[in-house]
Amino acid sequence: MAITIKKVSTKRELKKFIRFNYRMYKGNPYSVPDLYDDMLNTFNKKKNAAFEFCEADYFLAYRDDKIVGRVAAIINNRANEKWECKNVRFGWIDFIDDPEVSSALIKTVEDWGKERGMTHITGPLGFTDFDAEGMLIEGFDQIGTMATIYNYPYYPKQMERMGYTKDQDWHEFKIYIPDGVPEKHLRIGEIVKKKYGLKVMKFKNAKSIMPYAQKVFRTLNESYAPLYGFARLTQKQIDYYINMYIPMLRYDLVTLIVREEDDEVVGFGISLPNLSKAMQKAKGHLFPFGWIYLLKALKSKPKVIDLYLTGVLPEYQSKGVNALLFNDLIPVYKSV
């Protein structure tokens, strides 16, 4: 049967779009499902602040009335303006192992982009760098994380068959925590603190960290500016992420480096206990019992910690500020 591509136009179809990924990876020991409600908000043009500067449509591939693939077509106008390009992005792509399906999905995004004046296509990418991005090309026997994409080994093979080539490498590292902070790092940290007038900030609750939340995102915008495809977060996006993520932080796993003279954040490290197993048990849903698994994982003594965000202002990079971050975080990692 021929492949039929249908644009998602109703909430019912959007739910099918999200759930297709769950069905594709049901029982897979390495895939970590997204939270269903988070995905609904991400794709909602009224709720996702990225739609200030993005446009998007979502598509489902059918064969004989059965869904066999999905893809999002996205244009991030801020990123295109910054990087002086006309890129259409493909994201949230999933498909059965069938060249007709993958070809039909990608052609749909190519045509969608051409209709809007785009000249190149890139992906998998989301609306912004806070969405999962990239395509796994090795490490298929390793469990994913909340921040990364897991896909079957045939995905990159299908992309290569269509003539697509790798544009960028992203690496995920598993690092074993040392027994203690190296003496050299301790010395560097003390020198850096005195030389630049810096202090290490720790927090006990959301109320204490909230005065620094906006400052962290200002530092993030500056430190991430040169990174591949990055576009500065808008104020609306920053407010959205603060409201979403601050309440779920493990505050002992957050370290800020602050300039004493003006209380500005020059560096930050934000970690969380690894939630992959809890997310698998939740099966994409907080209710009725998914929140219990996540809360237990957040509060328990973790075997694995994910370093989600870290950054240092450009004028302080290569000056030892990273030593200050890890001088604090390594003992915390060992004690939790």
Protein backbone atom coordinates (compact mmCIF):
# COMPACT_ATOMS: atom_id res chain seq x y z
CA MET A 1 0.00 0.00 0.00
CA ALA A 2 1.15 3.55 -0.76
CA ILE A 3 2.19 5.90 2.04
CA THR A 4 -0.22 8.73 2.86
CA ILE A 5 1.03 11.82 4.72
CA LYS A 6 -1.52 13.74 6.76
CA LYS A 7 -0.96 17.05 8.56
CA VAL A 8 -1.99 17.04 12.20
CA SER A 9 -4.94 19.41 12.51
CA THR A 10 -6.85 18.31 15.62
CA LYS A 11 -5.98 17.62 19.24
CA ARG A 12 -6.95 13.99 18.71
CA GLU A 13 -4.41 13.70 15.89
CA LEU A 14 -1.77 15.46 18.01
CA LYS A 15 -2.30 12.85 20.73
CA LYS A 16 -1.73 10.14 18.12
CA PHE A 17 1.44 11.97 17.03
CA ILE A 18 2.81 11.85 20.60
CA ARG A 19 1.71 8.31 21.35
CA PHE A 20 3.28 6.86 18.20
CA ASN A 21 6.70 7.15 19.85
CA TYR A 22 5.43 5.28 22.91
CA ARG A 23 4.12 2.51 20.69
CA MET A 24 7.35 2.30 18.67
CA TYR A 25 9.52 1.88 21.76
CA LYS A 26 7.19 -0.01 24.07
CA GLY A 27 9.26 -2.50 26.08
CA ASN A 28 12.58 -1.15 24.77
CA PRO A 29 15.04 -1.22 27.71
CA TYR A 30 17.03 1.80 26.49
CA SER A 31 14.39 4.30 25.37
CA VAL A 32 13.20 6.90 27.90
CA PRO A 33 9.69 8.19 27.10
CA ASP A 34 8.84 11.88 27.25
CA LEU A 35 6.13 13.03 29.61
CA TYR A 36 2.89 13.15 27.66
CA ASP A 37 1.64 16.44 29.15
CA ASP A 38 5.01 18.12 28.50
CA MET A 39 4.77 17.10 24.86
CA LEU A 40 1.22 18.46 24.59
CA ASN A 41 2.48 21.82 25.88
CA THR A 42 5.55 21.76 23.66
CA PHE A 43 3.47 21.33 20.51
CA ASN A 44 0.77 23.81 21.63
CA LYS A 45 1.21 27.09 19.77
CA LYS A 46 -0.55 28.98 22.57
CA LYS A 47 1.61 27.58 25.38
CA ASN A 48 5.11 27.14 23.93
CA ALA A 49 6.94 30.50 24.07
CA ALA A 50 9.12 29.42 21.14
CA PHE A 51 6.21 30.16 18.81
CA GLU A 52 7.07 33.85 19.23
CA PHE A 53 9.66 33.22 16.52
CA CYS A 54 9.02 29.67 15.27
CA GLU A 55 6.50 28.20 12.87
CA ALA A 56 5.74 24.51 12.63
CA ASP A 57 3.44 21.78 11.39
CA TYR A 58 3.28 18.11 12.37
CA PHE A 59 2.73 15.18 10.04
CA LEU A 60 1.72 11.54 10.36
CA ALA A 61 2.51 8.82 7.83
CA TYR A 62 -0.20 6.21 7.21
CA ARG A 63 -0.25 2.90 5.41
CA ASP A 64 -3.59 1.17 5.12
CA ASP A 65 -5.04 3.48 7.83
CA LYS A 66 -2.24 2.53 10.26
CA ILE A 67 0.28 5.12 11.54
CA VAL A 68 3.80 4.12 10.47
CA GLY A 69 5.74 7.35 11.03
CA ARG A 70 5.72 10.93 12.26
CA VAL A 71 7.72 14.13 11.85
CA ALA A 72 7.61 17.82 12.81
CA ALA A 73 8.57 20.54 10.30
CA ILE A 74 9.96 23.63 12.04
CA ILE A 75 11.41 27.00 11.09
CA ASN A 76 13.25 28.84 13.88
CA ASN A 77 13.44 32.37 12.48
CA ARG A 78 15.69 33.68 15.28
CA ALA A 79 18.28 30.94 14.70
CA ASN A 80 18.13 31.44 10.94
CA GLU A 81 18.66 35.17 11.38
CA LYS A 82 21.59 34.72 13.75
CA TRP A 83 23.34 32.08 11.66
CA GLU A 84 22.42 33.76 8.35
CA CYS A 85 20.78 30.71 6.85
CA LYS A 86 17.41 29.52 5.59
CA ASN A 87 17.04 26.18 7.34
CA VAL A 88 13.94 24.13 7.83
CA ARG A 89 14.26 21.68 10.71
CA PHE A 90 12.87 18.18 10.99
CA GLY A 91 12.23 16.98 14.52
CA TRP A 92 10.46 14.32 16.56
CA ILE A 93 10.96 11.94 13.66
CA ASP A 94 10.05 8.28 14.08
CA PHE A 95 9.35 5.65 11.47
CA ILE A 96 9.17 1.93 10.97
CA ASP A 97 12.08 0.31 9.15
CA ASP A 98 10.77 1.01 5.66
CA PRO A 99 12.45 3.30 3.10
CA GLU A 100 9.11 4.40 1.67
CA VAL A 101 8.02 5.75 5.04
CA SER A 102 11.22 7.64 5.91
CA SER A 103 11.46 9.06 2.37
CA ALA A 104 7.85 10.27 2.44
CA LEU A 105 8.32 11.98 5.82
CA ILE A 106 11.54 13.75 4.86
CA LYS A 107 10.18 14.84 1.47
CA THR A 108 7.19 16.33 3.25
CA VAL A 109 9.47 18.50 5.38
CA GLU A 110 11.63 19.43 2.38
CA ASP A 111 8.56 20.56 0.40
CA TRP A 112 7.09 22.36 3.41
CA GLY A 113 10.34 24.28 3.83
CA LYS A 114 10.66 25.15 0.13
CA GLU A 115 7.13 26.56 0.14
CA ARG A 116 8.29 28.96 2.88
CA GLY A 117 11.50 30.02 1.15
CA MET A 118 13.94 27.70 2.92
CA THR A 119 17.00 26.43 1.06
CA HIS A 120 18.43 23.79 3.43
CA ILE A 121 17.13 21.13 5.81
CA THR A 122 18.69 20.01 9.09
CA GLY A 123 17.74 17.83 12.03
CA PRO A 124 16.66 16.20 14.15
CA LEU A 125 16.17 19.49 15.96
CA GLY A 126 13.37 20.89 18.07
CA PHE A 127 12.17 24.45 18.41
CA THR A 128 15.14 25.37 20.62
CA ASP A 129 18.14 23.72 22.28
CA PHE A 130 15.96 22.93 25.28
CA ASP A 131 14.24 20.32 23.15
CA ALA A 132 15.87 16.94 22.52
CA GLU A 133 18.01 16.98 19.39
CA GLY A 134 20.31 14.83 17.32
CA MET A 135 20.15 11.24 16.06
CA LEU A 136 21.87 8.39 17.86
CA ILE A 137 24.54 6.74 15.68
CA GLU A 138 26.20 4.54 18.31
CA GLY A 139 25.60 3.42 21.89
CA PHE A 140 22.31 1.71 21.10
CA ASP A 141 22.84 -0.59 24.10
CA GLN A 142 22.96 2.31 26.58
CA ILE A 143 19.92 3.73 28.36
CA GLY A 144 18.99 7.25 27.29
CA THR A 145 18.32 10.27 29.47
CA MET A 146 15.53 12.83 29.70
CA ALA A 147 17.65 15.26 27.67
CA THR A 148 18.64 12.96 24.81
CA ILE A 149 17.03 11.06 21.95
CA TYR A 150 17.07 7.29 21.63
CA ASN A 151 16.41 5.76 18.22
CA TYR A 152 16.81 2.39 16.54
CA PRO A 153 20.03 1.68 14.58
CA TYR A 154 18.18 1.74 11.24
CA TYR A 155 17.34 5.46 11.57
CA PRO A 156 20.78 6.83 10.55
CA LYS A 157 21.03 4.15 7.85
CA GLN A 158 17.80 5.40 6.31
CA MET A 159 19.07 8.99 6.44
CA GLU A 160 22.30 8.04 4.69
CA ARG A 161 20.33 6.15 2.06
CA MET A 162 18.49 9.41 1.28
CA GLY A 163 21.80 11.23 0.82
CA TYR A 164 21.91 13.00 4.17
CA THR A 165 25.31 13.55 5.79
CA LYS A 166 26.41 14.33 9.33
CA ASP A 167 26.70 18.05 10.05
CA GLN A 168 27.72 17.96 13.71
CA ASP A 169 28.85 15.54 16.42
CA TRP A 170 27.34 15.63 19.90
CA HIS A 171 28.99 13.50 22.56
CA GLU A 172 27.54 12.22 25.81
CA PHE A 173 30.10 11.18 28.41
CA LYS A 174 29.83 8.88 31.41
CA ILE A 175 32.31 10.15 34.01
CA TYR A 176 33.22 8.33 37.19
CA ILE A 177 33.29 10.66 40.19
CA PRO A 178 36.73 10.80 41.84
CA ASP A 179 37.14 10.05 45.54
CA GLY A 180 38.12 13.64 46.20
CA VAL A 181 38.88 16.97 44.57
CA PRO A 182 42.42 17.05 43.10
CA GLU A 183 44.73 19.30 45.10
CA LYS A 184 45.57 21.28 41.97
CA HIS A 185 41.89 22.11 41.46
CA LEU A 186 41.54 23.27 45.05
CA ARG A 187 44.52 25.62 44.65
CA ILE A 188 43.22 26.98 41.34
CA GLY A 189 39.80 27.54 42.87
CA GLU A 190 41.15 29.60 45.75
CA ILE A 191 43.31 31.69 43.42
CA VAL A 192 40.37 32.36 41.08
CA LYS A 193 38.06 33.37 43.93
CA LYS A 194 40.52 35.94 45.27
CA LYS A 195 41.68 37.26 41.92
CA TYR A 196 38.22 37.90 40.47
CA GLY A 197 36.22 38.47 43.64
CA LEU A 198 33.98 35.43 43.28
CA LYS A 199 31.96 33.36 45.72
CA VAL A 200 30.23 29.97 45.60
CA MET A 201 26.48 30.06 46.22
CA LYS A 202 24.37 27.14 47.51
CA PHE A 203 20.63 26.99 48.13
CA LYS A 204 18.12 25.15 50.28
CA ASN A 205 14.82 25.91 48.55
CA ALA A 206 13.11 27.59 45.61
CA LYS A 207 12.64 30.84 47.51
CA SER A 208 16.38 31.26 48.07
CA ILE A 209 17.37 30.49 44.47
CA MET A 210 14.63 32.48 42.75
CA PRO A 211 16.44 35.88 42.95
CA TYR A 212 19.22 34.33 40.85
CA ALA A 213 17.04 32.51 38.30
CA GLN A 214 16.90 35.33 35.75
CA LYS A 215 20.64 35.91 36.17
CA VAL A 216 21.38 32.25 35.42
CA PHE A 217 19.52 32.47 32.14
CA ARG A 218 21.29 35.71 31.20
CA THR A 219 24.59 33.89 31.76
CA LEU A 220 23.29 30.92 29.78
CA ASN A 221 22.42 33.15 26.82
CA GLU A 222 25.90 34.66 26.82
CA SER A 223 27.86 31.44 27.36
CA TYR A 224 25.85 29.37 24.86
CA ALA A 225 25.80 32.01 22.10
CA PRO A 226 28.59 30.40 19.98
CA LEU A 227 27.12 26.89 20.20
CA TYR A 228 25.79 25.11 17.11
CA GLY A 229 22.39 26.45 16.06
CA PHE A 230 21.77 28.29 19.35
CA ALA A 231 19.40 31.26 19.46
CA ARG A 232 19.13 33.42 22.57
CA LEU A 233 16.14 32.65 24.75
CA THR A 234 13.52 35.37 24.88
CA GLN A 235 12.18 36.77 28.15
CA LYS A 236 8.96 34.84 27.65
CA GLN A 237 10.92 31.60 27.22
CA ILE A 238 13.06 32.33 30.29
CA ASP A 239 9.96 32.91 32.42
CA TYR A 240 8.44 29.69 31.08
CA TYR A 241 11.52 27.58 31.92
CA ILE A 242 11.90 29.15 35.37
CA ASN A 243 8.31 28.28 36.27
CA MET A 244 8.71 24.77 34.85
CA TYR A 245 12.10 23.72 36.20
CA ILE A 246 12.89 25.64 39.42
CA PRO A 247 10.34 23.67 41.50
CA MET A 248 11.79 20.29 40.45
CA LEU A 249 15.46 21.06 41.20
CA ARG A 250 17.53 19.21 43.78
CA TYR A 251 18.98 22.35 45.35
CA ASP A 252 22.01 20.60 46.82
CA LEU A 253 22.98 19.70 43.25
CA VAL A 254 22.91 23.34 42.09
CA THR A 255 26.05 25.48 42.31
CA LEU A 256 26.35 29.11 41.24
CA ILE A 257 29.52 31.19 40.99
CA VAL A 258 28.66 34.80 41.76
CA ARG A 259 30.66 38.03 41.44
CA GLU A 260 30.74 39.65 44.86
CA GLU A 261 30.77 43.29 43.72
CA ASP A 262 27.42 43.16 41.91
CA ASP A 263 25.93 39.73 42.74
CA GLU A 264 25.94 38.68 39.06
CA VAL A 265 26.15 35.00 38.09
CA VAL A 266 29.36 34.27 36.18
CA GLY A 267 29.04 30.47 36.19
CA PHE A 268 26.55 27.72 37.04
CA GLY A 269 26.25 23.96 37.29
CA ILE A 270 22.82 22.34 37.54
CA SER A 271 22.47 18.60 38.12
CA LEU A 272 19.67 16.15 38.86
CA PRO A 273 19.55 12.50 39.86
CA ASN A 274 19.21 10.38 36.74
CA LEU A 275 15.47 9.91 36.13
CA SER A 276 15.63 7.44 33.24
CA LYS A 277 14.37 4.37 35.12
CA ALA A 278 11.66 6.41 36.83
CA MET A 279 10.51 7.80 33.47
CA GLN A 280 10.33 4.29 32.04
CA LYS A 281 8.18 3.16 34.97
CA ALA A 282 5.93 6.21 34.57
CA LYS A 283 5.42 5.29 30.87
CA GLY A 284 5.02 8.92 29.89
CA HIS A 285 2.39 9.84 32.47
CA LEU A 286 2.54 11.58 35.85
CA PHE A 287 -0.84 10.20 36.87
CA PRO A 288 -2.05 8.12 38.50
CA PHE A 289 1.29 6.76 39.76
CA GLY A 290 4.06 8.20 37.55
CA TRP A 291 4.74 11.11 39.91
CA ILE A 292 5.56 8.65 42.69
CA TYR A 293 8.40 7.09 40.66
CA LEU A 294 9.79 10.52 39.74
CA LEU A 295 9.56 11.92 43.26
CA LYS A 296 11.27 8.83 44.68
CA ALA A 297 14.08 9.16 42.12
CA LEU A 298 14.53 12.86 42.91
CA LYS A 299 14.69 12.30 46.67
CA SER A 300 16.67 9.06 46.82
CA LYS A 301 20.43 8.51 46.86
CA PRO A 302 21.26 8.22 43.14
CA LYS A 303 23.83 5.97 41.52
CA VAL A 304 23.95 8.25 38.47
CA ILE A 305 23.72 12.05 38.37
CA ASP A 306 23.01 13.97 35.16
CA LEU A 307 24.77 17.30 34.70
CA TYR A 308 22.06 19.06 32.73
CA LEU A 309 23.33 22.60 32.39
CA THR A 310 26.68 24.24 32.97
CA GLY A 311 28.03 27.52 31.68
CA VAL A 312 30.54 30.30 32.33
CA LEU A 313 30.44 33.87 31.02
CA PRO A 314 32.80 34.24 28.02
CA GLU A 315 35.08 36.73 29.80
CA TYR A 316 35.66 34.18 32.60
CA GLN A 317 36.19 31.11 30.42
CA SER A 318 39.64 29.50 30.54
CA LYS A 319 40.32 31.29 33.82
CA GLY A 320 39.60 28.44 36.24
CA VAL A 321 35.95 29.16 37.10
CA ASN A 322 35.10 25.59 36.11
CA ALA A 323 37.43 24.45 38.90
CA LEU A 324 35.28 26.38 41.39
CA LEU A 325 32.17 24.62 40.13
CA PHE A 326 33.55 21.12 40.45
CA ASN A 327 35.41 21.82 43.70
CA ASP A 328 31.94 22.22 45.15
CA LEU A 329 30.03 19.62 43.13
CA ILE A 330 32.41 16.64 43.47
CA PRO A 331 32.02 16.39 47.27
CA VAL A 332 28.26 16.88 46.88
CA TYR A 333 28.09 14.09 44.28
CA LYS A 334 30.00 11.78 46.64
CA SER A 335 27.74 12.54 49.60
CA VAL A 336 24.25 12.31 48.06
